Structure formats: structure tokens, C-alpha cells
Amino acid sequence: MIIYPSRTIEQSDIYPHRTQLNGNQVHRVYLDELGDIRQLPIWVALMVLTTMGEEQALTQARYLLERSSVEQPETASRAIMELVTTIMVYKFEQLSRTEVEQMLGITLKETRVYREIKEEGREEGREEGREVMANAISRQLTKRFGQKLSEEIRSSVSSLSLPVLEDLSEALLDFTSLADLQAWLEAR
């Protein structure tokens, strides 16, 4: 099966594959010819939604969200909400998250896409915080010992996890020499 948004997109040069394409093994589906989106099964309607212009897509997206909340179990309805949201975010990429929420009458915080983006942001924030802390500790150690740390020690400090860096930030107050630092690092 080959699914096209419309006939106009279908490849005209079928020479290398004409036997398969002209036989009964391959079926072409043109989404814009499937009929009224309101009469289609909801999962097919979602595919058709991807081919619509912005204004028509907005009306149909709202309809599909409402329809799925009535016709589908909660888990399927949530999946449909996520798909509709994803489609609309791509269609209206110039709009903010809040504008898309208002437009659809939903909260994107309920969707998997939003949760994944939020978690990615948290993870990036944690990593940046860890790097900043490692650099600050390296500067403090350099000042404490009055000499530049070796690349090996700097690398060891940079590779520590955030909780271990927090422990080091307290332990360094008790260090009197580089040997204390090296012994502390080796114990980790």
C-alpha cells in the first residue's frame, strides 16, 4: 500500500517498478479522496488531518479531539490527543505552546510530547549544573593549593556525578594538600 496526500504527488516515472505498481499487489490510497473526515474511522481521519490546510485542520482537529473523548477508551483518547497535538504543532510551528493549547482547547501538559520535552530540559539542566559545579570546584581547589591542577585531576573532577561533586565541595574544606584530594578521589 502506498499512501499519498493527493494524486498530484504521485511519482510519474514508474518505469523501474511498473510491474509491481500496475499489478494487483500494490494499492494506492489518496488521502484527499477518502471523503468527509467526520465519516472516516478516527485513525484514518488522523492521517487525513495531516494533509489539510491550517484553517480546516483547526476545525477538524477540535472535532477529532471531541470525538475521541466520546468514542474511545481513555488510553486511546490520550493517544489521539497526542497525535492531534503533534500534527498541529507541526502545522502551526510559528505559534507558541500556549497559543496551540488555546487554539485546540486542551492542555499540552497532558501529552506525552510535552512530558518528553520537559524531561529532556530537566536532564540538560542537570548536566549543565553538574558542569558548572565541577568547574567551580576545580577553581576552588586551584586557589586552595595555590597551583594549577593537573589535567588528570581536572578530568577526574569533571567526570564526577552531581551528588559526588556536592560531597567534594564540602570535603575540600578539610584538604591541606593535593595528596588529600588525590586520596579522596581514589576512594570514590
N, C-alpha and C. Protein backbone atom coordinates (compact mmCIF):
# COMPACT_ATOMS: atom_id res chain seq x y z
N MET A 1 0.84 -1.16 0.00
CA MET A 1 0.00 0.00 0.00
C MET A 1 0.89 1.23 0.00
N ILE A 2 0.55 2.17 -0.86
CA ILE A 2 1.24 3.46 -0.91
C ILE A 2 0.21 4.52 -0.57
N ILE A 3 0.55 5.37 0.40
CA ILE A 3 -0.38 6.42 0.82
C ILE A 3 0.18 7.76 0.36
N TYR A 4 -0.63 8.46 -0.43
CA TYR A 4 -0.28 9.79 -0.92
C TYR A 4 -1.24 10.82 -0.33
N PRO A 5 -0.77 12.03 -0.06
CA PRO A 5 -1.70 13.07 0.36
C PRO A 5 -2.71 13.39 -0.76
N SER A 6 -2.22 13.36 -2.01
CA SER A 6 -3.10 13.60 -3.17
C SER A 6 -2.47 12.98 -4.40
N ARG A 7 -3.24 12.88 -5.47
CA ARG A 7 -2.73 12.31 -6.73
C ARG A 7 -1.60 13.14 -7.31
N THR A 8 -1.62 14.44 -7.06
CA THR A 8 -0.62 15.32 -7.64
C THR A 8 0.80 15.01 -7.17
N ILE A 9 0.93 14.31 -6.07
CA ILE A 9 2.26 14.00 -5.51
C ILE A 9 2.77 12.65 -6.02
N GLU A 10 1.90 11.87 -6.60
CA GLU A 10 2.31 10.55 -7.07
C GLU A 10 3.42 10.67 -8.10
N GLN A 11 4.40 9.79 -7.98
CA GLN A 11 5.53 9.79 -8.88
C GLN A 11 5.07 9.43 -10.29
N SER A 12 5.52 10.19 -11.27
CA SER A 12 5.10 9.90 -12.64
C SER A 12 6.03 8.90 -13.33
N ASP A 13 7.28 8.88 -12.97
CA ASP A 13 8.22 7.95 -13.58
C ASP A 13 8.22 6.64 -12.79
N ILE A 14 7.42 5.69 -13.25
CA ILE A 14 7.31 4.41 -12.54
C ILE A 14 8.05 3.29 -13.26
N TYR A 15 8.82 3.65 -14.29
CA TYR A 15 9.46 2.66 -15.14
C TYR A 15 10.15 1.52 -14.37
N PRO A 16 11.02 1.81 -13.41
CA PRO A 16 11.71 0.68 -12.78
C PRO A 16 10.78 -0.24 -11.98
N HIS A 17 9.62 0.26 -11.57
CA HIS A 17 8.73 -0.52 -10.70
C HIS A 17 7.35 -0.73 -11.32
N ARG A 18 7.22 -0.52 -12.61
CA ARG A 18 5.90 -0.54 -13.24
C ARG A 18 5.19 -1.88 -13.10
N THR A 19 5.91 -2.98 -13.08
CA THR A 19 5.27 -4.29 -12.97
C THR A 19 4.54 -4.40 -11.63
N GLN A 20 5.21 -4.03 -10.55
CA GLN A 20 4.57 -4.10 -9.24
C GLN A 20 3.46 -3.06 -9.10
N LEU A 21 3.72 -1.85 -9.55
CA LEU A 21 2.75 -0.76 -9.38
C LEU A 21 1.49 -0.95 -10.22
N ASN A 22 1.63 -1.54 -11.37
CA ASN A 22 0.47 -1.72 -12.25
C ASN A 22 -0.24 -3.05 -12.01
N GLY A 23 0.32 -3.90 -11.17
CA GLY A 23 -0.31 -5.17 -10.84
C GLY A 23 -1.29 -5.00 -9.69
N ASN A 24 -1.78 -6.10 -9.19
CA ASN A 24 -2.75 -6.06 -8.09
C ASN A 24 -2.10 -6.12 -6.71
N GLN A 25 -0.78 -6.12 -6.67
CA GLN A 25 -0.09 -6.25 -5.38
C GLN A 25 0.02 -4.93 -4.63
N VAL A 26 0.03 -3.84 -5.34
CA VAL A 26 0.20 -2.54 -4.71
C VAL A 26 -1.09 -1.74 -4.86
N HIS A 27 -1.54 -1.19 -3.75
CA HIS A 27 -2.74 -0.35 -3.76
C HIS A 27 -2.36 1.07 -3.36
N ARG A 28 -2.87 2.02 -4.11
CA ARG A 28 -2.61 3.43 -3.81
C ARG A 28 -3.80 4.00 -3.07
N VAL A 29 -3.49 4.80 -2.06
CA VAL A 29 -4.54 5.49 -1.30
C VAL A 29 -4.22 6.98 -1.37
N TYR A 30 -5.22 7.77 -1.76
CA TYR A 30 -5.07 9.22 -1.82
C TYR A 30 -5.91 9.81 -0.70
N LEU A 31 -5.24 10.36 0.29
CA LEU A 31 -5.92 10.82 1.50
C LEU A 31 -6.98 11.88 1.20
N ASP A 32 -6.71 12.74 0.24
CA ASP A 32 -7.68 13.80 -0.05
C ASP A 32 -8.92 13.29 -0.80
N GLU A 33 -8.94 12.00 -1.15
CA GLU A 33 -10.09 11.43 -1.84
C GLU A 33 -10.89 10.46 -0.97
N LEU A 34 -10.56 10.39 0.31
CA LEU A 34 -11.24 9.44 1.18
C LEU A 34 -12.60 9.92 1.65
N GLY A 35 -12.91 11.17 1.41
CA GLY A 35 -14.23 11.69 1.79
C GLY A 35 -14.18 12.52 3.04
N ASP A 36 -15.35 12.76 3.60
CA ASP A 36 -15.51 13.61 4.77
C ASP A 36 -14.80 12.98 5.96
N ILE A 37 -13.94 13.76 6.58
CA ILE A 37 -13.16 13.29 7.73
C ILE A 37 -14.06 12.81 8.86
N ARG A 38 -15.26 13.37 8.94
CA ARG A 38 -16.19 13.01 10.02
C ARG A 38 -16.83 11.64 9.79
N GLN A 39 -16.72 11.13 8.59
CA GLN A 39 -17.28 9.81 8.27
C GLN A 39 -16.23 8.70 8.29
N LEU A 40 -14.97 9.07 8.43
CA LEU A 40 -13.88 8.09 8.39
C LEU A 40 -13.60 7.52 9.78
N PRO A 41 -13.06 6.32 9.84
CA PRO A 41 -12.58 5.80 11.12
C PRO A 41 -11.57 6.81 11.69
N ILE A 42 -11.55 6.97 12.98
CA ILE A 42 -10.75 8.03 13.60
C ILE A 42 -9.27 7.93 13.27
N TRP A 43 -8.73 6.71 13.18
CA TRP A 43 -7.30 6.57 12.90
C TRP A 43 -6.98 6.97 11.46
N VAL A 44 -7.91 6.74 10.53
CA VAL A 44 -7.73 7.19 9.15
C VAL A 44 -7.89 8.71 9.11
N ALA A 45 -8.85 9.23 9.85
CA ALA A 45 -9.09 10.67 9.90
C ALA A 45 -7.85 11.41 10.36
N LEU A 46 -7.10 10.82 11.27
CA LEU A 46 -5.86 11.46 11.73
C LEU A 46 -4.85 11.62 10.59
N MET A 47 -4.77 10.61 9.72
CA MET A 47 -3.87 10.72 8.56
C MET A 47 -4.34 11.83 7.63
N VAL A 48 -5.63 11.91 7.41
CA VAL A 48 -6.18 12.95 6.54
C VAL A 48 -5.90 14.33 7.14
N LEU A 49 -5.97 14.46 8.46
CA LEU A 49 -5.70 15.73 9.13
C LEU A 49 -4.33 16.29 8.74
N THR A 50 -3.36 15.43 8.52
CA THR A 50 -2.01 15.89 8.17
C THR A 50 -1.96 16.60 6.83
N THR A 51 -2.94 16.36 5.98
CA THR A 51 -2.92 16.93 4.62
C THR A 51 -3.73 18.21 4.50
N MET A 52 -4.44 18.61 5.54
CA MET A 52 -5.35 19.75 5.46
C MET A 52 -4.62 21.07 5.66
N GLY A 53 -5.22 22.11 5.11
CA GLY A 53 -4.72 23.47 5.33
C GLY A 53 -4.97 23.86 6.78
N GLU A 54 -4.31 24.93 7.22
CA GLU A 54 -4.35 25.32 8.63
C GLU A 54 -5.77 25.56 9.15
N GLU A 55 -6.57 26.35 8.43
CA GLU A 55 -7.89 26.70 8.93
C GLU A 55 -8.80 25.47 9.04
N GLN A 56 -8.82 24.67 7.99
CA GLN A 56 -9.64 23.46 8.01
C GLN A 56 -9.11 22.47 9.05
N ALA A 57 -7.78 22.37 9.18
CA ALA A 57 -7.18 21.45 10.14
C ALA A 57 -7.58 21.81 11.56
N LEU A 58 -7.66 23.08 11.86
CA LEU A 58 -8.03 23.50 13.20
C LEU A 58 -9.43 23.02 13.56
N THR A 59 -10.37 23.24 12.68
CA THR A 59 -11.75 22.80 12.92
C THR A 59 -11.83 21.29 13.07
N GLN A 60 -11.17 20.58 12.18
CA GLN A 60 -11.22 19.12 12.20
C GLN A 60 -10.45 18.55 13.40
N ALA A 61 -9.37 19.20 13.81
CA ALA A 61 -8.62 18.73 14.98
C ALA A 61 -9.49 18.81 16.23
N ARG A 62 -10.18 19.92 16.39
CA ARG A 62 -11.09 20.05 17.54
C ARG A 62 -12.16 18.98 17.50
N TYR A 63 -12.71 18.74 16.31
CA TYR A 63 -13.73 17.71 16.16
C TYR A 63 -13.18 16.34 16.55
N LEU A 64 -11.98 16.01 16.07
CA LEU A 64 -11.39 14.70 16.35
C LEU A 64 -11.09 14.53 17.85
N LEU A 65 -10.68 15.59 18.50
CA LEU A 65 -10.44 15.52 19.95
C LEU A 65 -11.75 15.24 20.69
N GLU A 66 -12.78 15.95 20.30
CA GLU A 66 -14.09 15.75 20.94
C GLU A 66 -14.61 14.34 20.65
N ARG A 67 -14.52 13.93 19.40
CA ARG A 67 -15.00 12.60 19.00
C ARG A 67 -14.25 11.50 19.73
N SER A 68 -12.94 11.64 19.85
CA SER A 68 -12.16 10.58 20.50
C SER A 68 -12.50 10.48 21.98
N SER A 69 -12.81 11.61 22.62
CA SER A 69 -13.15 11.56 24.05
C SER A 69 -14.47 10.84 24.28
N VAL A 70 -15.34 10.84 23.27
CA VAL A 70 -16.64 10.17 23.38
C VAL A 70 -16.55 8.71 22.94
N GLU A 71 -15.87 8.46 21.82
CA GLU A 71 -15.87 7.13 21.20
C GLU A 71 -14.79 6.17 21.71
N GLN A 72 -13.72 6.71 22.23
CA GLN A 72 -12.55 5.87 22.54
C GLN A 72 -12.37 5.71 24.05
N PRO A 73 -11.76 4.59 24.46
CA PRO A 73 -11.39 4.46 25.88
C PRO A 73 -10.33 5.52 26.21
N GLU A 74 -10.13 5.76 27.49
CA GLU A 74 -9.24 6.85 27.91
C GLU A 74 -7.83 6.73 27.33
N THR A 75 -7.25 5.52 27.31
CA THR A 75 -5.88 5.38 26.81
C THR A 75 -5.81 5.71 25.32
N ALA A 76 -6.79 5.25 24.54
CA ALA A 76 -6.82 5.56 23.11
C ALA A 76 -7.07 7.05 22.90
N SER A 77 -7.94 7.62 23.70
CA SER A 77 -8.24 9.04 23.59
C SER A 77 -7.00 9.88 23.86
N ARG A 78 -6.20 9.49 24.86
CA ARG A 78 -4.96 10.20 25.15
C ARG A 78 -3.98 10.08 23.97
N ALA A 79 -3.91 8.89 23.38
CA ALA A 79 -3.02 8.68 22.24
C ALA A 79 -3.45 9.57 21.07
N ILE A 80 -4.75 9.66 20.86
CA ILE A 80 -5.26 10.51 19.78
C ILE A 80 -4.96 11.97 20.08
N MET A 81 -5.11 12.38 21.35
CA MET A 81 -4.79 13.76 21.72
C MET A 81 -3.33 14.06 21.42
N GLU A 82 -2.45 13.12 21.72
CA GLU A 82 -1.03 13.32 21.45
C GLU A 82 -0.76 13.43 19.95
N LEU A 83 -1.41 12.58 19.17
CA LEU A 83 -1.23 12.65 17.72
C LEU A 83 -1.76 13.96 17.14
N VAL A 84 -2.94 14.35 17.55
CA VAL A 84 -3.52 15.61 17.07
C VAL A 84 -2.62 16.77 17.47
N THR A 85 -2.16 16.76 18.70
CA THR A 85 -1.28 17.83 19.18
C THR A 85 -0.01 17.89 18.35
N THR A 86 0.60 16.75 18.11
CA THR A 86 1.83 16.71 17.32
C THR A 86 1.59 17.24 15.91
N ILE A 87 0.51 16.82 15.30
CA ILE A 87 0.17 17.30 13.95
C ILE A 87 0.01 18.81 13.95
N MET A 88 -0.72 19.33 14.94
CA MET A 88 -1.00 20.76 14.98
C MET A 88 0.24 21.58 15.33
N VAL A 89 1.11 21.06 16.17
CA VAL A 89 2.35 21.78 16.48
C VAL A 89 3.19 21.93 15.21
N TYR A 90 3.22 20.90 14.37
CA TYR A 90 3.96 20.99 13.12
C TYR A 90 3.27 21.91 12.12
N LYS A 91 1.95 21.89 12.07
CA LYS A 91 1.22 22.76 11.15
C LYS A 91 1.35 24.22 11.53
N PHE A 92 1.35 24.50 12.83
CA PHE A 92 1.38 25.88 13.32
C PHE A 92 2.69 26.13 14.08
N GLU A 93 3.80 25.80 13.46
CA GLU A 93 5.08 25.89 14.15
C GLU A 93 5.45 27.32 14.54
N GLN A 94 4.80 28.32 13.95
CA GLN A 94 5.08 29.70 14.31
C GLN A 94 4.39 30.11 15.60
N LEU A 95 3.48 29.28 16.11
CA LEU A 95 2.74 29.60 17.33
C LEU A 95 3.44 29.04 18.56
N SER A 96 3.21 29.70 19.68
CA SER A 96 3.76 29.21 20.94
C SER A 96 2.93 28.04 21.45
N ARG A 97 3.47 27.36 22.43
CA ARG A 97 2.76 26.24 23.05
C ARG A 97 1.41 26.70 23.60
N THR A 98 1.40 27.85 24.26
CA THR A 98 0.17 28.38 24.84
C THR A 98 -0.87 28.67 23.76
N GLU A 99 -0.42 29.22 22.65
CA GLU A 99 -1.35 29.53 21.56
C GLU A 99 -1.95 28.26 20.96
N VAL A 100 -1.14 27.21 20.82
CA VAL A 100 -1.66 25.94 20.31
C VAL A 100 -2.66 25.35 21.31
N GLU A 101 -2.34 25.44 22.59
CA GLU A 101 -3.27 24.95 23.62
C GLU A 101 -4.61 25.67 23.52
N GLN A 102 -4.57 26.99 23.45
CA GLN A 102 -5.81 27.77 23.36
C GLN A 102 -6.57 27.44 22.09
N MET A 103 -5.86 27.29 21.02
CA MET A 103 -6.47 27.00 19.73
C MET A 103 -7.24 25.68 19.76
N LEU A 104 -6.65 24.67 20.40
CA LEU A 104 -7.28 23.35 20.44
C LEU A 104 -8.22 23.17 21.63
N GLY A 105 -8.09 24.04 22.60
CA GLY A 105 -8.90 23.90 23.80
C GLY A 105 -8.44 22.76 24.69
N ILE A 106 -7.14 22.48 24.67
CA ILE A 106 -6.57 21.43 25.52
C ILE A 106 -5.33 21.96 26.21
N THR A 107 -4.81 21.17 27.12
CA THR A 107 -3.56 21.49 27.80
C THR A 107 -2.51 20.51 27.32
N LEU A 108 -1.46 21.05 26.69
CA LEU A 108 -0.40 20.18 26.17
C LEU A 108 0.34 19.46 27.29
N LYS A 109 0.23 19.95 28.52
CA LYS A 109 0.89 19.30 29.64
C LYS A 109 0.39 17.87 29.82
N GLU A 110 -0.77 17.56 29.26
CA GLU A 110 -1.34 16.23 29.37
C GLU A 110 -0.74 15.25 28.36
N THR A 111 0.04 15.76 27.41
CA THR A 111 0.51 14.90 26.32
C THR A 111 1.90 14.34 26.59
N ARG A 112 2.19 13.23 25.95
CA ARG A 112 3.49 12.58 26.06
C ARG A 112 4.58 13.50 25.49
N VAL A 113 4.29 14.16 24.37
CA VAL A 113 5.26 15.04 23.73
C VAL A 113 5.74 16.10 24.73
N TYR A 114 4.81 16.72 25.43
CA TYR A 114 5.15 17.75 26.41
C TYR A 114 6.00 17.15 27.52
N ARG A 115 5.58 15.99 28.04
CA ARG A 115 6.33 15.37 29.14
C ARG A 115 7.75 15.02 28.71
N GLU A 116 7.91 14.53 27.48
CA GLU A 116 9.25 14.18 26.99
C GLU A 116 10.12 15.41 26.85
N ILE A 117 9.56 16.49 26.30
CA ILE A 117 10.32 17.72 26.14
C ILE A 117 10.73 18.27 27.50
N LYS A 118 9.82 18.22 28.44
CA LYS A 118 10.10 18.72 29.79
C LYS A 118 11.22 17.90 30.43
N GLU A 119 11.17 16.58 30.29
CA GLU A 119 12.20 15.72 30.88
C GLU A 119 13.55 15.97 30.21
N GLU A 120 13.57 16.17 28.88
CA GLU A 120 14.82 16.48 28.19
C GLU A 120 15.41 17.78 28.73
N GLY A 121 14.55 18.77 28.95
CA GLY A 121 15.01 20.05 29.50
C GLY A 121 15.59 19.88 30.89
N ARG A 122 14.93 19.08 31.70
CA ARG A 122 15.44 18.82 33.06
C ARG A 122 16.81 18.16 32.99
N GLU A 123 16.94 17.16 32.13
CA GLU A 123 18.20 16.43 32.01
C GLU A 123 19.31 17.37 31.54
N GLU A 124 19.02 18.22 30.56
CA GLU A 124 20.03 19.17 30.10
C GLU A 124 20.41 20.14 31.21
N GLY A 125 19.43 20.58 31.98
CA GLY A 125 19.68 21.49 33.10
C GLY A 125 20.56 20.84 34.16
N ARG A 126 20.29 19.58 34.46
CA ARG A 126 21.10 18.86 35.45
C ARG A 126 22.55 18.74 34.97
N GLU A 127 22.71 18.42 33.68
CA GLU A 127 24.05 18.26 33.12
C GLU A 127 24.80 19.59 33.14
N GLU A 128 24.12 20.66 32.75
CA GLU A 128 24.77 21.98 32.77
C GLU A 128 25.15 22.36 34.20
N GLY A 129 24.27 22.09 35.16
CA GLY A 129 24.55 22.39 36.56
C GLY A 129 25.73 21.60 37.08
N ARG A 130 25.81 20.34 36.67
CA ARG A 130 26.93 19.49 37.09
C ARG A 130 28.24 20.05 36.54
N GLU A 131 28.24 20.46 35.26
CA GLU A 131 29.45 21.00 34.64
C GLU A 131 29.89 22.30 35.32
N VAL A 132 28.93 23.17 35.62
CA VAL A 132 29.24 24.43 36.29
C VAL A 132 29.85 24.16 37.67
N MET A 133 29.26 23.21 38.38
CA MET A 133 29.76 22.89 39.72
C MET A 133 31.17 22.29 39.64
N ALA A 134 31.41 21.41 38.67
CA ALA A 134 32.74 20.80 38.52
C ALA A 134 33.78 21.88 38.23
N ASN A 135 33.44 22.84 37.38
CA ASN A 135 34.38 23.92 37.07
C ASN A 135 34.64 24.80 38.29
N ALA A 136 33.58 25.10 39.05
CA ALA A 136 33.74 25.92 40.25
C ALA A 136 34.62 25.21 41.28
N ILE A 137 34.42 23.93 41.47
CA ILE A 137 35.23 23.17 42.42
C ILE A 137 36.68 23.13 41.98
N SER A 138 36.91 22.96 40.68
CA SER A 138 38.29 22.96 40.17
C SER A 138 38.97 24.30 40.46
N ARG A 139 38.24 25.40 40.27
CA ARG A 139 38.80 26.73 40.56
C ARG A 139 39.10 26.87 42.06
N GLN A 140 38.17 26.37 42.90
CA GLN A 140 38.38 26.45 44.35
C GLN A 140 39.61 25.65 44.77
N LEU A 141 39.76 24.47 44.19
CA LEU A 141 40.91 23.62 44.53
C LEU A 141 42.22 24.29 44.09
N THR A 142 42.20 24.91 42.91
CA THR A 142 43.39 25.61 42.41
C THR A 142 43.77 26.73 43.38
N LYS A 143 42.78 27.47 43.83
CA LYS A 143 43.05 28.56 44.76
C LYS A 143 43.52 28.03 46.12
N ARG A 144 42.90 26.95 46.56
CA ARG A 144 43.24 26.37 47.88
C ARG A 144 44.70 25.91 47.93
N PHE A 145 45.15 25.28 46.82
CA PHE A 145 46.50 24.72 46.82
C PHE A 145 47.53 25.66 46.20
N GLY A 146 47.06 26.77 45.64
CA GLY A 146 47.98 27.76 45.09
C GLY A 146 48.72 27.30 43.85
N GLN A 147 48.19 26.31 43.19
CA GLN A 147 48.80 25.84 41.94
C GLN A 147 47.74 25.25 41.03
N LYS A 148 48.05 25.26 39.76
CA LYS A 148 47.11 24.73 38.77
C LYS A 148 47.02 23.21 38.92
N LEU A 149 45.78 22.70 38.82
CA LEU A 149 45.57 21.25 38.91
C LEU A 149 46.03 20.57 37.64
N SER A 150 46.52 19.35 37.78
CA SER A 150 46.92 18.59 36.59
C SER A 150 45.68 18.26 35.76
N GLU A 151 45.90 18.00 34.49
CA GLU A 151 44.78 17.66 33.60
C GLU A 151 44.08 16.38 34.08
N GLU A 152 44.85 15.46 34.63
CA GLU A 152 44.28 14.21 35.16
C GLU A 152 43.30 14.48 36.29
N ILE A 153 43.69 15.35 37.22
CA ILE A 153 42.80 15.68 38.35
C ILE A 153 41.59 16.45 37.86
N ARG A 154 41.80 17.42 36.97
CA ARG A 154 40.67 18.18 36.42
C ARG A 154 39.68 17.25 35.72
N SER A 155 40.20 16.30 34.99
CA SER A 155 39.35 15.33 34.29
C SER A 155 38.58 14.46 35.29
N SER A 156 39.27 14.04 36.37
CA SER A 156 38.60 13.22 37.39
C SER A 156 37.47 13.99 38.05
N VAL A 157 37.72 15.25 38.36
CA VAL A 157 36.68 16.08 38.99
C VAL A 157 35.52 16.30 38.01
N SER A 158 35.83 16.58 36.75
CA SER A 158 34.79 16.83 35.74
C SER A 158 33.90 15.62 35.50
N SER A 159 34.41 14.43 35.74
CA SER A 159 33.63 13.22 35.45
C SER A 159 32.75 12.78 36.62
N LEU A 160 32.86 13.48 37.76
CA LEU A 160 32.07 13.08 38.93
C LEU A 160 30.60 13.42 38.75
N SER A 161 29.75 12.60 39.35
CA SER A 161 28.31 12.86 39.31
C SER A 161 27.99 14.03 40.24
N LEU A 162 26.81 14.61 40.08
CA LEU A 162 26.41 15.76 40.89
C LEU A 162 26.44 15.47 42.39
N PRO A 163 25.89 14.34 42.87
CA PRO A 163 25.97 14.08 44.32
C PRO A 163 27.41 13.96 44.83
N VAL A 164 28.29 13.37 44.04
CA VAL A 164 29.69 13.23 44.46
C VAL A 164 30.38 14.59 44.45
N LEU A 165 30.03 15.43 43.47
CA LEU A 165 30.58 16.79 43.44
C LEU A 165 30.14 17.58 44.68
N GLU A 166 28.90 17.37 45.09
CA GLU A 166 28.42 18.04 46.30
C GLU A 166 29.24 17.59 47.51
N ASP A 167 29.53 16.29 47.59
CA ASP A 167 30.37 15.78 48.69
C ASP A 167 31.77 16.40 48.63
N LEU A 168 32.33 16.50 47.41
CA LEU A 168 33.67 17.08 47.24
C LEU A 168 33.68 18.55 47.65
N SER A 169 32.60 19.26 47.36
CA SER A 169 32.56 20.69 47.71
C SER A 169 32.67 20.90 49.21
N GLU A 170 32.20 19.93 50.00
CA GLU A 170 32.35 20.01 51.46
C GLU A 170 33.71 19.47 51.90
N ALA A 171 34.12 18.36 51.30
CA ALA A 171 35.38 17.72 51.72
C ALA A 171 36.58 18.60 51.44
N LEU A 172 36.55 19.40 50.37
CA LEU A 172 37.72 20.20 50.01
C LEU A 172 38.09 21.22 51.09
N LEU A 173 37.14 21.53 51.96
CA LEU A 173 37.44 22.46 53.05
C LEU A 173 38.43 21.87 54.05
N ASP A 174 38.50 20.54 54.11
CA ASP A 174 39.40 19.86 55.04
C ASP A 174 40.74 19.48 54.40
N PHE A 175 40.86 19.63 53.08
CA PHE A 175 42.10 19.25 52.40
C PHE A 175 43.21 20.24 52.75
N THR A 176 44.40 19.70 52.99
CA THR A 176 45.56 20.56 53.24
C THR A 176 46.60 20.43 52.13
N SER A 177 46.42 19.40 51.27
CA SER A 177 47.38 19.21 50.18
C SER A 177 46.69 18.49 49.02
N LEU A 178 47.40 18.49 47.90
CA LEU A 178 46.91 17.76 46.73
C LEU A 178 46.79 16.26 47.03
N ALA A 179 47.63 15.77 47.93
CA ALA A 179 47.58 14.35 48.29
C ALA A 179 46.23 14.02 48.93
N ASP A 180 45.69 14.95 49.74
CA ASP A 180 44.37 14.73 50.33
C ASP A 180 43.30 14.61 49.24
N LEU A 181 43.39 15.49 48.26
CA LEU A 181 42.45 15.45 47.14
C LEU A 181 42.58 14.14 46.37
N GLN A 182 43.79 13.75 46.05
CA GLN A 182 44.01 12.52 45.29
C GLN A 182 43.51 11.30 46.06
N ALA A 183 43.74 11.27 47.35
CA ALA A 183 43.26 10.15 48.17
C ALA A 183 41.73 10.13 48.19
N TRP A 184 41.11 11.30 48.26
CA TRP A 184 39.65 11.39 48.27
C TRP A 184 39.08 10.89 46.93
N LEU A 185 39.71 11.31 45.84
CA LEU A 185 39.25 10.89 44.50
C LEU A 185 39.42 9.38 44.32
N GLU A 186 40.52 8.84 44.79
CA GLU A 186 40.77 7.40 44.65
C GLU A 186 39.78 6.58 45.47
N ALA A 187 39.29 7.14 46.55
CA ALA A 187 38.32 6.43 47.39
C ALA A 187 36.94 6.40 46.73
N ARG A 188 36.75 7.17 45.73
CA ARG A 188 35.44 7.21 45.04
C ARG A 188 35.48 6.26 43.93
